[in-house]
C-alpha atoms as a PDB file:
ATOM      1  CA  MET A   1       9.778  10.467 -10.431  1.00  0.00           C
ATOM      2  CA  GLN A   2      12.737   8.068 -10.592  1.00  0.00           C
ATOM      3  CA  HIS A   3      11.671   5.364  -8.116  1.00  0.00           C
ATOM      4  CA  PHE A   4       8.417   4.797  -6.225  1.00  0.00           C
ATOM      5  CA  ILE A   5       9.114   3.469  -2.744  1.00  0.00           C
ATOM      6  CA  SER A   6       7.153   5.792  -0.446  1.00  0.00           C
ATOM      7  CA  VAL A   7       5.249   9.064  -0.301  1.00  0.00           C
ATOM      8  CA  ASN A   8       8.628  10.796  -0.226  1.00  0.00           C
ATOM      9  CA  ASN A   9       8.977  10.080  -3.954  1.00  0.00           C
ATOM     10  CA  VAL A  10       5.814  12.071  -4.729  1.00  0.00           C
ATOM     11  CA  HIS A  11       6.010  15.807  -5.351  1.00  0.00           C
ATOM     12  CA  ASN A  12       2.250  16.464  -5.288  1.00  0.00           C
ATOM     13  CA  ILE A  13      -0.117  13.843  -3.870  1.00  0.00           C
ATOM     14  CA  ASP A  14      -3.279  15.566  -5.123  1.00  0.00           C
ATOM     15  CA  ALA A  15      -1.913  15.919  -8.640  1.00  0.00           C
ATOM     16  CA  LEU A  16      -0.910  12.254  -8.766  1.00  0.00           C
ATOM     17  CA  ALA A  17      -4.321  11.167  -7.446  1.00  0.00           C
ATOM     18  CA  GLN A  18      -6.056  13.396  -9.982  1.00  0.00           C
ATOM     19  CA  LYS A  19      -3.949  11.864 -12.755  1.00  0.00           C
ATOM     20  CA  ALA A  20      -5.086   8.416 -11.636  1.00  0.00           C
ATOM     21  CA  LEU A  21      -8.749   9.460 -11.685  1.00  0.00           C
ATOM     22  CA  ALA A  22      -8.254  10.874 -15.184  1.00  0.00           C
ATOM     23  CA  TYR A  23      -6.913   7.483 -16.297  1.00  0.00           C
ATOM     24  CA  LYS A  24      -9.991   5.864 -14.800  1.00  0.00           C
ATOM     25  CA  GLN A  25     -12.099   7.976 -17.176  1.00  0.00           C
ATOM     26  CA  ASN A  26      -9.771   7.386 -20.129  1.00  0.00           C
ATOM     27  CA  PRO A  27      -7.546   4.320 -19.557  1.00  0.00           C
ATOM     28  CA  PHE A  28      -5.787   4.540 -22.927  1.00  0.00           C
ATOM     29  CA  ALA A  29      -5.073   8.271 -22.970  1.00  0.00           C
ATOM     30  CA  ASP A  30      -1.332   7.527 -22.909  1.00  0.00           C
ATOM     31  CA  LYS A  31      -1.418   4.163 -24.640  1.00  0.00           C
ATOM     32  CA  HIS A  32       1.768   4.940 -26.595  1.00  0.00           C
ATOM     33  CA  LEU A  33       3.772   6.216 -23.600  1.00  0.00           C
ATOM     34  CA  GLY A  34       5.209   2.791 -22.815  1.00  0.00           C
ATOM     35  CA  VAL A  35       5.470   1.355 -26.317  1.00  0.00           C
ATOM     36  CA  GLY A  36       8.876  -0.301 -26.692  1.00  0.00           C
ATOM     37  CA  LYS A  37       9.281  -0.420 -22.910  1.00  0.00           C
ATOM     38  CA  ARG A  38       9.298  -3.531 -20.766  1.00  0.00           C
ATOM     39  CA  ILE A  39       8.432  -3.927 -17.057  1.00  0.00           C
ATOM     40  CA  GLY A  40       9.380  -6.898 -14.897  1.00  0.00           C
ATOM     41  CA  LEU A  41       7.150  -7.627 -11.902  1.00  0.00           C
ATOM     42  CA  LEU A  42       9.135  -9.647  -9.369  1.00  0.00           C
ATOM     43  CA  PHE A  43       7.263 -11.297  -6.513  1.00  0.00           C
ATOM     44  CA  LEU A  44       9.030 -12.645  -3.444  1.00  0.00           C
ATOM     45  CA  ASN A  45       5.638 -13.338  -1.861  1.00  0.00           C
ATOM     46  CA  PRO A  46       2.102 -13.950  -3.179  1.00  0.00           C
ATOM     47  CA  SER A  47      -0.162 -11.297  -4.638  1.00  0.00           C
ATOM     48  CA  LEU A  48      -3.561 -11.013  -6.271  1.00  0.00           C
ATOM     49  CA  ARG A  49      -4.658  -7.355  -6.615  1.00  0.00           C
ATOM     50  CA  THR A  50      -1.154  -5.862  -6.802  1.00  0.00           C
ATOM     51  CA  ARG A  51       0.001  -8.279  -9.458  1.00  0.00           C
ATOM     52  CA  ILE A  52      -3.031  -8.064 -11.734  1.00  0.00           C
ATOM     53  CA  SER A  53      -3.685  -4.338 -11.333  1.00  0.00           C
ATOM     54  CA  THR A  54      -0.074  -3.378 -12.063  1.00  0.00           C
ATOM     55  CA  GLN A  55      -0.024  -5.602 -15.138  1.00  0.00           C
ATOM     56  CA  ILE A  56      -3.218  -4.004 -16.460  1.00  0.00           C
ATOM     57  CA  ALA A  57      -1.866  -0.527 -15.725  1.00  0.00           C
ATOM     58  CA  ALA A  58       1.370  -1.209 -17.601  1.00  0.00           C
ATOM     59  CA  GLU A  59      -0.478  -2.674 -20.566  1.00  0.00           C
ATOM     60  CA  ASN A  60      -2.799   0.366 -20.677  1.00  0.00           C
ATOM     61  CA  LEU A  61       0.356   2.435 -21.222  1.00  0.00           C
ATOM     62  CA  GLY A  62       1.587   0.145 -23.996  1.00  0.00           C
ATOM     63  CA  MET A  63       4.279  -1.621 -21.971  1.00  0.00           C
ATOM     64  CA  GLN A  64       5.216  -5.276 -22.315  1.00  0.00           C
ATOM     65  CA  VAL A  65       4.871  -7.038 -18.957  1.00  0.00           C
ATOM     66  CA  LEU A  66       6.716 -10.080 -17.618  1.00  0.00           C
ATOM     67  CA  THR A  67       5.895 -11.491 -14.194  1.00  0.00           C
ATOM     68  CA  PHE A  68       8.322 -13.656 -12.238  1.00  0.00           C
ATOM     69  CA  ASN A  69       7.864 -15.427  -8.907  1.00  0.00           C
ATOM     70  CA  VAL A  70      11.311 -15.213  -7.342  1.00  0.00           C
ATOM     71  CA  GLY A  71      12.227 -18.357  -5.416  1.00  0.00           C
ATOM     72  CA  ASN A  72       9.541 -20.444  -7.121  1.00  0.00           C
ATOM     73  CA  ASP A  73      10.257 -19.843 -10.798  1.00  0.00           C
ATOM     74  CA  GLY A  74      13.959 -19.157 -10.247  1.00  0.00           C
ATOM     75  CA  TRP A  75      16.834 -19.375  -7.792  1.00  0.00           C
ATOM     76  CA  LYS A  76      16.571 -18.182  -4.219  1.00  0.00           C
ATOM     77  CA  LEU A  77      18.306 -14.819  -3.960  1.00  0.00           C
ATOM     78  CA  GLU A  78      20.944 -13.670  -1.488  1.00  0.00           C
ATOM     79  CA  PHE A  79      20.812  -9.992  -0.475  1.00  0.00           C
ATOM     80  CA  GLU A  80      23.586  -9.679   2.113  1.00  0.00           C
ATOM     81  CA  GLU A  81      26.878  -8.090   1.095  1.00  0.00           C
ATOM     82  CA  GLU A  82      29.942 -10.320   1.435  1.00  0.00           C
ATOM     83  CA  ALA A  83      27.744 -13.331   2.143  1.00  0.00           C
ATOM     84  CA  ILE A  84      29.310 -16.777   2.217  1.00  0.00           C
ATOM     85  CA  MET A  85      26.734 -18.548   0.105  1.00  0.00           C
ATOM     86  CA  SER A  86      26.963 -22.019   1.572  1.00  0.00           C
ATOM     87  CA  GLY A  87      23.290 -22.177   2.560  1.00  0.00           C
ATOM     88  CA  THR A  88      19.986 -22.178   0.687  1.00  0.00           C
ATOM     89  CA  THR A  89      20.549 -19.085  -1.461  1.00  0.00           C
ATOM     90  CA  VAL A  90      21.877 -19.754  -4.958  1.00  0.00           C
ATOM     91  CA  GLU A  91      22.190 -16.363  -6.674  1.00  0.00           C
ATOM     92  CA  HIS A  92      23.326 -13.000  -5.307  1.00  0.00           C
ATOM     93  CA  ILE A  93      21.373  -9.830  -5.995  1.00  0.00           C
ATOM     94  CA  LYS A  94      24.654  -8.259  -7.198  1.00  0.00           C
ATOM     95  CA  ASP A  95      24.658 -10.745 -10.068  1.00  0.00           C
ATOM     96  CA  ALA A  96      20.932 -10.935 -10.749  1.00  0.00           C
ATOM     97  CA  ALA A  97      19.832  -7.287 -10.529  1.00  0.00           C
ATOM     98  CA  PRO A  98      22.152  -5.822 -13.215  1.00  0.00           C
ATOM     99  CA  ILE A  99      20.943  -8.474 -15.656  1.00  0.00           C
ATOM    100  CA  LEU A 100      17.317  -7.697 -14.818  1.00  0.00           C
ATOM    101  CA  GLY A 101      18.150  -4.034 -15.352  1.00  0.00           C
ATOM    102  CA  ASN A 102      19.309  -4.915 -18.851  1.00  0.00           C
ATOM    103  CA  TYR A 103      16.156  -6.932 -19.524  1.00  0.00           C
ATOM    104  CA  PHE A 104      13.683  -4.348 -18.208  1.00  0.00           C
ATOM    105  CA  ASP A 105      13.130  -0.595 -18.343  1.00  0.00           C
ATOM    106  CA  VAL A 106      11.265  -0.653 -15.021  1.00  0.00           C
ATOM    107  CA  ILE A 107      11.273  -3.254 -12.233  1.00  0.00           C
ATOM    108  CA  GLY A 108       8.465  -3.777  -9.730  1.00  0.00           C
ATOM    109  CA  VAL A 109       9.399  -5.650  -6.539  1.00  0.00           C
ATOM    110  CA  ARG A 110       7.154  -7.174  -3.885  1.00  0.00           C
ATOM    111  CA  SER A 111       8.817  -8.429  -0.733  1.00  0.00           C
ATOM    112  CA  PHE A 112       7.616  -9.335   2.746  1.00  0.00           C
ATOM    113  CA  PRO A 113       8.982  -8.924   6.290  1.00  0.00           C
ATOM    114  CA  SER A 114      10.348 -11.778   8.332  1.00  0.00           C
ATOM    115  CA  LEU A 115       8.500 -10.426  11.414  1.00  0.00           C
ATOM    116  CA  THR A 116      11.438 -11.799  13.424  1.00  0.00           C
ATOM    117  CA  ASN A 117      14.221  -9.249  12.837  1.00  0.00           C
ATOM    118  CA  LYS A 118      12.901  -5.684  13.119  1.00  0.00           C
ATOM    119  CA  GLU A 119      16.195  -4.004  12.262  1.00  0.00           C
ATOM    120  CA  GLU A 120      16.575  -6.018   9.082  1.00  0.00           C
ATOM    121  CA  ASP A 121      12.952  -5.565   8.018  1.00  0.00           C
ATOM    122  CA  TYR A 122      12.910  -1.821   8.721  1.00  0.00           C
ATOM    123  CA  SER A 123      16.174  -1.299   6.860  1.00  0.00           C
ATOM    124  CA  GLU A 124      14.257  -2.225   3.661  1.00  0.00           C
ATOM    125  CA  HIS A 125      17.368  -4.072   2.575  1.00  0.00           C
ATOM    126  CA  VAL A 126      15.698  -6.076  -0.207  1.00  0.00           C
ATOM    127  CA  ILE A 127      14.292  -3.237  -2.284  1.00  0.00           C
ATOM    128  CA  LYS A 128      17.312  -1.038  -1.611  1.00  0.00           C
ATOM    129  CA  GLN A 129      19.554  -3.731  -3.062  1.00  0.00           C
ATOM    130  CA  PHE A 130      17.446  -3.811  -6.220  1.00  0.00           C
ATOM    131  CA  ILE A 131      17.744  -0.033  -6.491  1.00  0.00           C
ATOM    132  CA  LYS A 132      21.493  -0.213  -5.860  1.00  0.00           C
ATOM    133  CA  TYR A 133      22.291  -2.819  -8.492  1.00  0.00           C
ATOM    134  CA  ALA A 134      19.520  -2.805 -11.144  1.00  0.00           C
ATOM    135  CA  GLY A 135      20.266   0.589 -12.659  1.00  0.00           C
ATOM    136  CA  VAL A 136      16.634   1.202 -13.700  1.00  0.00           C
ATOM    137  CA  PRO A 137      13.574   2.668 -11.923  1.00  0.00           C
ATOM    138  CA  VAL A 138      12.196   0.431  -9.178  1.00  0.00           C
ATOM    139  CA  VAL A 139       8.562   0.443  -8.043  1.00  0.00           C
ATOM    140  CA  SER A 140       7.495  -0.958  -4.682  1.00  0.00           C
ATOM    141  CA  LEU A 141       4.708  -3.512  -4.992  1.00  0.00           C
ATOM    142  CA  GLU A 142       4.856  -3.757  -1.163  1.00  0.00           C
ATOM    143  CA  THR A 143       7.858  -4.055   1.106  1.00  0.00           C
ATOM    144  CA  ALA A 144       8.578  -5.017   4.690  1.00  0.00           C
ATOM    145  CA  THR A 145       7.417  -1.663   6.057  1.00  0.00           C
ATOM    146  CA  LEU A 146       5.355   0.138   3.383  1.00  0.00           C
ATOM    147  CA  HIS A 147       2.770  -0.395   0.643  1.00  0.00           C
ATOM    148  CA  PRO A 148       2.744   2.906  -1.278  1.00  0.00           C
ATOM    149  CA  LEU A 149       0.590   1.784  -4.223  1.00  0.00           C
ATOM    150  CA  GLN A 150      -2.116   0.753  -1.773  1.00  0.00           C
ATOM    151  CA  SER A 151      -1.920   4.059   0.095  1.00  0.00           C
ATOM    152  CA  LEU A 152      -2.074   6.105  -3.098  1.00  0.00           C
ATOM    153  CA  THR A 153      -5.124   4.028  -4.026  1.00  0.00           C
ATOM    154  CA  ASP A 154      -6.706   4.836  -0.676  1.00  0.00           C
ATOM    155  CA  ILE A 155      -6.309   8.580  -1.215  1.00  0.00           C
ATOM    156  CA  ILE A 156      -7.625   8.247  -4.782  1.00  0.00           C
ATOM    157  CA  THR A 157     -10.702   6.453  -3.428  1.00  0.00           C
ATOM    158  CA  ILE A 158     -11.339   9.098  -0.762  1.00  0.00           C
ATOM    159  CA  LYS A 159     -10.939  11.919  -3.307  1.00  0.00           C
ATOM    160  CA  GLU A 160     -13.276  10.122  -5.689  1.00  0.00           C
ATOM    161  CA  GLN A 161     -15.908   9.819  -2.973  1.00  0.00           C
ATOM    162  CA  VAL A 162     -15.672  13.529  -2.186  1.00  0.00           C
ATOM    163  CA  LEU A 163     -15.974  14.401  -5.887  1.00  0.00           C
ATOM    164  CA  LEU A 164     -19.011  12.119  -6.229  1.00  0.00           C
ATOM    165  CA  ALA A 165     -20.741  13.763  -3.283  1.00  0.00           C
ATOM    166  CA  PRO A 166     -23.452  16.391  -3.901  1.00  0.00           C
ATOM    167  CA  PRO A 167     -21.934  19.899  -4.235  1.00  0.00           C
ATOM    168  CA  PRO A 168     -22.837  21.064  -0.688  1.00  0.00           C
ATOM    169  CA  LEU A 169     -20.957  18.092   0.761  1.00  0.00           C
ATOM    170  CA  GLN A 170     -17.937  18.797  -1.429  1.00  0.00           C
ATOM    171  CA  LYS A 171     -17.500  22.150   0.321  1.00  0.00           C
ATOM    172  CA  VAL A 172     -17.813  21.210   3.966  1.00  0.00           C
ATOM    173  CA  SER A 173     -16.215  23.766   6.260  1.00  0.00           C
ATOM    174  CA  ARG A 174     -14.485  21.158   8.437  1.00  0.00           C
ATOM    175  CA  LYS A 175     -11.719  18.753   7.524  1.00  0.00           C
ATOM    176  CA  LEU A 176     -12.552  15.147   6.844  1.00  0.00           C
ATOM    177  CA  LYS A 177     -12.031  12.847   9.791  1.00  0.00           C
ATOM    178  CA  ILE A 178     -10.203   9.659   8.843  1.00  0.00           C
ATOM    179  CA  VAL A 179      -9.708   6.843  11.350  1.00  0.00           C
ATOM    180  CA  LEU A 180      -7.292   3.926  11.084  1.00  0.00           C
ATOM    181  CA  THR A 181      -8.449   1.178  13.413  1.00  0.00           C
ATOM    182  CA  TRP A 182      -6.670  -2.011  14.393  1.00  0.00           C
ATOM    183  CA  ALA A 183      -8.664  -5.218  13.931  1.00  0.00           C
ATOM    184  CA  PRO A 184      -8.216  -8.738  15.309  1.00  0.00           C
ATOM    185  CA  HIS A 185      -6.631 -11.470  13.183  1.00  0.00           C
ATOM    186  CA  ILE A 186      -5.704 -15.112  13.606  1.00  0.00           C
ATOM    187  CA  LYS A 187      -1.971 -14.578  12.957  1.00  0.00           C
ATOM    188  CA  PRO A 188       0.660 -11.828  13.155  1.00  0.00           C
ATOM    189  CA  LEU A 189       0.613  -9.532  10.128  1.00  0.00           C
ATOM    190  CA  PRO A 190       3.124  -6.874   9.029  1.00  0.00           C
ATOM    191  CA  GLN A 191       2.741  -3.207   9.873  1.00  0.00           C
ATOM    192  CA  CYS A 192       3.353  -2.150   6.242  1.00  0.00           C
ATOM    193  CA  VAL A 193      -0.204  -1.204   5.198  1.00  0.00           C
ATOM    194  CA  ALA A 194      -0.873   0.647   8.455  1.00  0.00           C
ATOM    195  CA  ASN A 195       2.525   2.386   8.338  1.00  0.00           C
ATOM    196  CA  SER A 196       1.986   3.410   4.745  1.00  0.00           C
ATOM    197  CA  PHE A 197      -1.581   4.631   5.229  1.00  0.00           C
ATOM    198  CA  ALA A 198      -0.445   6.738   8.182  1.00  0.00           C
ATOM    199  CA  GLN A 199       2.516   8.126   6.247  1.00  0.00           C
ATOM    200  CA  TRP A 200       0.384   9.145   3.249  1.00  0.00           C
ATOM    201  CA  ILE A 201      -2.558  10.601   5.188  1.00  0.00           C
ATOM    202  CA  ASN A 202      -0.177  12.655   7.327  1.00  0.00           C
ATOM    203  CA  ALA A 203       1.706  13.880   4.250  1.00  0.00           C
ATOM    204  CA  TRP A 204      -1.567  14.651   2.441  1.00  0.00           C
ATOM    205  CA  GLY A 205      -2.580  16.917   5.323  1.00  0.00           C
ATOM    206  CA  GLN A 206      -6.229  17.275   4.339  1.00  0.00           C
ATOM    207  CA  ALA A 207      -7.867  15.354   7.173  1.00  0.00           C
ATOM    208  CA  ASP A 208      -8.016  15.068  10.921  1.00  0.00           C
ATOM    209  CA  PHE A 209      -6.336  11.712  11.324  1.00  0.00           C
ATOM    210  CA  VAL A 210      -6.860   9.363  14.265  1.00  0.00           C
ATOM    211  CA  ILE A 211      -5.240   5.961  14.854  1.00  0.00           C
ATOM    212  CA  THR A 212      -6.830   3.612  17.358  1.00  0.00           C
ATOM    213  CA  HIS A 213      -5.490   0.281  18.584  1.00  0.00           C
ATOM    214  CA  PRO A 214      -5.128  -1.772  21.781  1.00  0.00           C
ATOM    215  CA  GLU A 215      -2.248  -1.013  24.115  1.00  0.00           C
ATOM    216  CA  ASP A 216       1.143  -2.328  22.937  1.00  0.00           C
ATOM    217  CA  TYR A 217       0.220  -2.018  19.244  1.00  0.00           C
ATOM    218  CA  GLU A 218       1.924   1.326  18.670  1.00  0.00           C
ATOM    219  CA  LEU A 219       3.401   1.779  15.195  1.00  0.00           C
ATOM    220  CA  ASP A 220       6.754   3.328  14.354  1.00  0.00           C
ATOM    221  CA  GLU A 221       6.494   7.046  15.135  1.00  0.00           C
ATOM    222  CA  GLN A 222       8.281   7.990  11.915  1.00  0.00           C
ATOM    223  CA  PHE A 223       5.051   7.055  10.110  1.00  0.00           C
ATOM    224  CA  THR A 224       2.407   8.110  12.652  1.00  0.00           C
ATOM    225  CA  LYS A 225       3.787  11.468  13.808  1.00  0.00           C
ATOM    226  CA  GLY A 226       1.038  14.043  13.328  1.00  0.00           C
ATOM    227  CA  ALA A 227      -1.853  11.664  13.994  1.00  0.00           C
ATOM    228  CA  THR A 228      -3.942  11.512  17.159  1.00  0.00           C
ATOM    229  CA  ILE A 229      -3.493   8.094  18.776  1.00  0.00           C
ATOM    230  CA  THR A 230      -5.960   6.545  21.214  1.00  0.00           C
ATOM    231  CA  HIS A 231      -6.708   3.128  22.714  1.00  0.00           C
ATOM    232  CA  ASN A 232     -10.429   3.957  22.858  1.00  0.00           C
ATOM    233  CA  GLN A 233     -11.896   2.758  19.577  1.00  0.00           C
ATOM    234  CA  GLN A 234     -15.393   4.143  20.166  1.00  0.00           C
ATOM    235  CA  GLU A 235     -13.992   7.557  20.995  1.00  0.00           C
ATOM    236  CA  ALA A 236     -11.902   7.473  17.835  1.00  0.00           C
ATOM    237  CA  LEU A 237     -14.876   6.539  15.660  1.00  0.00           C
ATOM    238  CA  LYS A 238     -17.012   9.505  16.794  1.00  0.00           C
ATOM    239  CA  ASP A 239     -17.847  11.734  13.800  1.00  0.00           C
ATOM    240  CA  ALA A 240     -15.534   9.781  11.462  1.00  0.00           C
ATOM    241  CA  ASP A 241     -16.081  10.159   7.722  1.00  0.00           C
ATOM    242  CA  TYR A 242     -13.802   7.277   6.698  1.00  0.00           C
ATOM    243  CA  VAL A 243     -12.734   4.255   8.719  1.00  0.00           C
ATOM    244  CA  TYR A 244      -9.781   2.217   7.495  1.00  0.00           C
ATOM    245  CA  VAL A 245      -9.623  -1.253   9.049  1.00  0.00           C
ATOM    246  CA  LYS A 246      -6.386  -3.233   9.280  1.00  0.00           C
ATOM    247  CA  ASN A 247      -4.656  -5.702  11.557  1.00  0.00           C
ATOM    248  CA  TRP A 248      -0.980  -5.403  12.415  1.00  0.00           C
ATOM    249  CA  SER A 249       1.332  -7.178  14.820  1.00  0.00           C
ATOM    250  CA  THR A 250       3.355  -5.486  17.561  1.00  0.00           C
ATOM    251  CA  TYR A 251       6.206  -3.179  16.584  1.00  0.00           C
ATOM    252  CA  HIS A 252       8.248  -2.762  19.787  1.00  0.00           C
ATOM    253  CA  ASP A 253       8.208  -6.436  20.804  1.00  0.00           C
ATOM    254  CA  TYR A 254       8.371  -7.223  17.149  1.00  0.00           C
ATOM    255  CA  GLY A 255       5.903  -9.387  15.249  1.00  0.00           C
ATOM    256  CA  LYS A 256       3.781 -10.606  18.149  1.00  0.00           C
ATOM    257  CA  ILE A 257       0.075 -10.943  18.899  1.00  0.00           C
ATOM    258  CA  TYR A 258      -0.654  -9.726  22.442  1.00  0.00           C
ATOM    259  CA  SER A 259      -4.376  -9.314  21.983  1.00  0.00           C
ATOM    260  CA  ASN A 260      -6.904 -10.876  19.672  1.00  0.00           C
ATOM    261  CA  ASP A 261      -9.859  -9.199  21.332  1.00  0.00           C
ATOM    262  CA  PRO A 262     -12.933  -9.822  19.130  1.00  0.00           C
ATOM    263  CA  SER A 263     -14.536  -6.675  20.544  1.00  0.00           C
ATOM    264  CA  TRP A 264     -12.269  -4.670  18.199  1.00  0.00           C
ATOM    265  CA  MET A 265     -14.049  -6.080  15.132  1.00  0.00           C
ATOM    266  CA  LEU A 266     -15.988  -3.322  13.379  1.00  0.00           C
ATOM    267  CA  THR A 267     -19.769  -3.747  13.493  1.00  0.00           C
ATOM    268  CA  PRO A 268     -22.792  -1.638  12.435  1.00  0.00           C
ATOM    269  CA  GLU A 269     -23.452  -0.827  16.088  1.00  0.00           C
ATOM    270  CA  LYS A 270     -20.017   0.744  16.513  1.00  0.00           C
ATOM    271  CA  LEU A 271     -20.459   2.833  13.383  1.00  0.00           C
ATOM    272  CA  LYS A 272     -23.552   4.611  14.698  1.00  0.00           C
ATOM    273  CA  VAL A 273     -21.344   7.328  16.230  1.00  0.00           C
ATOM    274  CA  THR A 274     -19.706   8.110  12.868  1.00  0.00           C
ATOM    275  CA  GLN A 275     -20.843  10.515  10.147  1.00  0.00           C
ATOM    276  CA  ASN A 276     -22.271   7.565   8.209  1.00  0.00           C
ATOM    277  CA  ALA A 277     -18.636   6.628   7.615  1.00  0.00           C
ATOM    278  CA  LYS A 278     -17.338   4.883   4.524  1.00  0.00           C
ATOM    279  CA  ILE A 279     -15.414   1.693   5.310  1.00  0.00           C
ATOM    280  CA  MET A 280     -12.063   0.798   3.756  1.00  0.00           C
ATOM    281  CA  HIS A 281      -9.814  -2.261   3.836  1.00  0.00           C
ATOM    282  CA  CYS A 282      -6.935  -3.220   1.541  1.00  0.00           C
ATOM    283  CA  LEU A 283      -8.059  -6.871   1.142  1.00  0.00           C
ATOM    284  CA  PRO A 284      -7.820  -9.785   1.569  1.00  0.00           C
ATOM    285  CA  VAL A 285     -10.021  -9.603   4.653  1.00  0.00           C
ATOM    286  CA  ARG A 286     -10.980 -12.256   7.202  1.00  0.00           C
ATOM    287  CA  ARG A 287     -14.741 -11.900   7.321  1.00  0.00           C
ATOM    288  CA  ASN A 288     -16.307 -11.863  10.772  1.00  0.00           C
ATOM    289  CA  VAL A 289     -12.852 -11.608  12.321  1.00  0.00           C
ATOM    290  CA  GLU A 290     -11.603  -8.213  11.114  1.00  0.00           C
ATOM    291  CA  LEU A 291     -14.933  -6.955   9.787  1.00  0.00           C
ATOM    292  CA  SER A 292     -18.468  -8.255  10.097  1.00  0.00           C
ATOM    293  CA  ASP A 293     -20.387  -9.356   7.016  1.00  0.00           C
ATOM    294  CA  GLU A 294     -22.920  -6.611   7.730  1.00  0.00           C
ATOM    295  CA  VAL A 295     -20.255  -3.907   7.407  1.00  0.00           C
ATOM    296  CA  LEU A 296     -18.400  -5.427   4.454  1.00  0.00           C
ATOM    297  CA  ASP A 297     -21.583  -5.969   2.454  1.00  0.00           C
ATOM    298  CA  SER A 298     -23.155  -2.631   3.332  1.00  0.00           C
ATOM    299  CA  ALA A 299     -23.631   0.324   0.992  1.00  0.00           C
ATOM    300  CA  ASN A 300     -20.919   2.155   2.947  1.00  0.00           C
ATOM    301  CA  SER A 301     -18.227  -0.405   2.142  1.00  0.00           C
ATOM    302  CA  LEU A 302     -15.666   0.868  -0.375  1.00  0.00           C
ATOM    303  CA  VAL A 303     -13.525  -2.277  -0.530  1.00  0.00           C
ATOM    304  CA  THR A 304     -14.472  -3.234  -4.106  1.00  0.00           C
ATOM    305  CA  GLN A 305     -14.104   0.316  -5.424  1.00  0.00           C
ATOM    306  CA  GLU A 306     -10.842   0.664  -3.513  1.00  0.00           C
ATOM    307  CA  ALA A 307      -9.379  -2.545  -4.930  1.00  0.00           C
ATOM    308  CA  SER A 308     -10.497  -1.636  -8.454  1.00  0.00           C
ATOM    309  CA  ASN A 309      -8.716   1.719  -8.156  1.00  0.00           C
ATOM    310  CA  ARG A 310      -5.420  -0.117  -7.742  1.00  0.00           C
ATOM    311  CA  VAL A 311      -5.125  -0.109 -11.547  1.00  0.00           C
ATOM    312  CA  TRP A 312      -5.277   3.685 -11.761  1.00  0.00           C
ATOM    313  CA  ALA A 313      -2.825   4.224  -8.926  1.00  0.00           C
ATOM    314  CA  ALA A 314      -0.279   1.985 -10.626  1.00  0.00           C
ATOM    315  CA  GLN A 315      -0.939   3.580 -14.017  1.00  0.00           C
ATOM    316  CA  ALA A 316      -0.367   7.107 -12.672  1.00  0.00           C
ATOM    317  CA  VAL A 317       2.913   6.063 -11.041  1.00  0.00           C
ATOM    318  CA  LEU A 318       4.197   4.199 -14.101  1.00  0.00           C
ATOM    319  CA  ALA A 319       3.282   7.107 -16.358  1.00  0.00           C
ATOM    320  CA  GLU A 320       5.291   9.505 -14.205  1.00  0.00           C
ATOM    321  CA  ILE A 321       8.290   7.167 -14.292  1.00  0.00           C
ATOM    322  CA  LEU A 322       8.034   6.656 -18.045  1.00  0.00           C
ATOM    323  CA  LYS A 323       7.828  10.402 -18.672  1.00  0.00           C
ATOM    324  CA  ASN A 324      10.973  10.849 -16.607  1.00  0.00           C
ATOM    325  CA  THR A 325      12.870   8.084 -18.441  1.00  0.00           C
ATOM    326  CA  ASN A 326      11.696   9.345 -21.858  1.00  0.00           C
ATOM    327  CA  LYS A 327      13.198  12.809 -21.339  1.00  0.00           C
END
C-alpha cells in the first residue's frame, strides 16, 4: 500500500480488517516497525476521534507523531495551480508539501468540502495536491467525498461482532443485511461518510446492502452502485442485521437540506422489524435528532465499540504503508 485514500488502495479488505483485530489483541506486536519514522497529521478542519486514534496507532508502531492545524497554527494554503495569490492564502501547496515530505515519512491529511462547489469538492483537489507534491505516502483522515478510515473501522466492527457471536450464528446460511439510513440534522453535512460506507460495503461484497433516504437525497452512483436504494425506511429496515445511521445533504442540487423530517429519526419502535439489529454511527451524533437516546444507549448500540476500533483501523493501514516503505 502506497497511499490510503479509498477502498481502491486495499488489496484484501478482510485481510486488512483481520490485521486490525489482531492489533486490538496485541497493540504492540509491531512496536519497532515505525521506529525512526515520523508522521505528520495535518488538519484543515476539526477532529476528535480521527486525530487521537491515528496518533495512538502511530505511537503503537513506534512512530513519532506531530499534529498541525493548518490555517490556525500556520499559513492558509493555496491549492490552485497558477493562482494569483493576492487574496487570503499565503503559502502554495507546491511550496509547502515538498518541505513536509522532507520532514515526514508519512503524511495524514484531513480536509472538508465547501458544500458549495460540487465539481471542486468531488475532484478531491486538496488531497491530490498533497500526493502530487509531498513525495511520501499520504493517508486520508477524511476528505470532501470519502472517509476510508471510518469505513474500514465499520467493517472491522461488523466482523468483530460476527466473530463474537455464538458459533451457530457465525455460520448463518444467508448473507448479512446491512442498511444505511439517512437521518435528520439541523444543518447540511457532507456526503463523505455515506459515500465511503457505501463504497466499502459494496466492495466487501459480503452483505445484502440497502440504502434508504428521502427523495432527492440520492448519493453519487459511483459509490452506491450495487446497493438496493429505497425511499421507504421501514421497508429497508425489515430483517436488517446492522443499521448505519448518518445524515447527508443533497448531492444533485449540491449541499442543500430539502427535508428535515423528524420521522426519519431511528427509534426502538422502528427497529422491531429488524433481526435485533446492531446500530452504528460514526459520531459525533445529535441525540434525539439523528438517533433517540433509547437507541443510542441500548445494548444494541455499537457506537462506542466502533469509535474505539478507529485505533486498530489506523494501525493496520499505517503498518501496511510502513512495510511498503521499508522494503
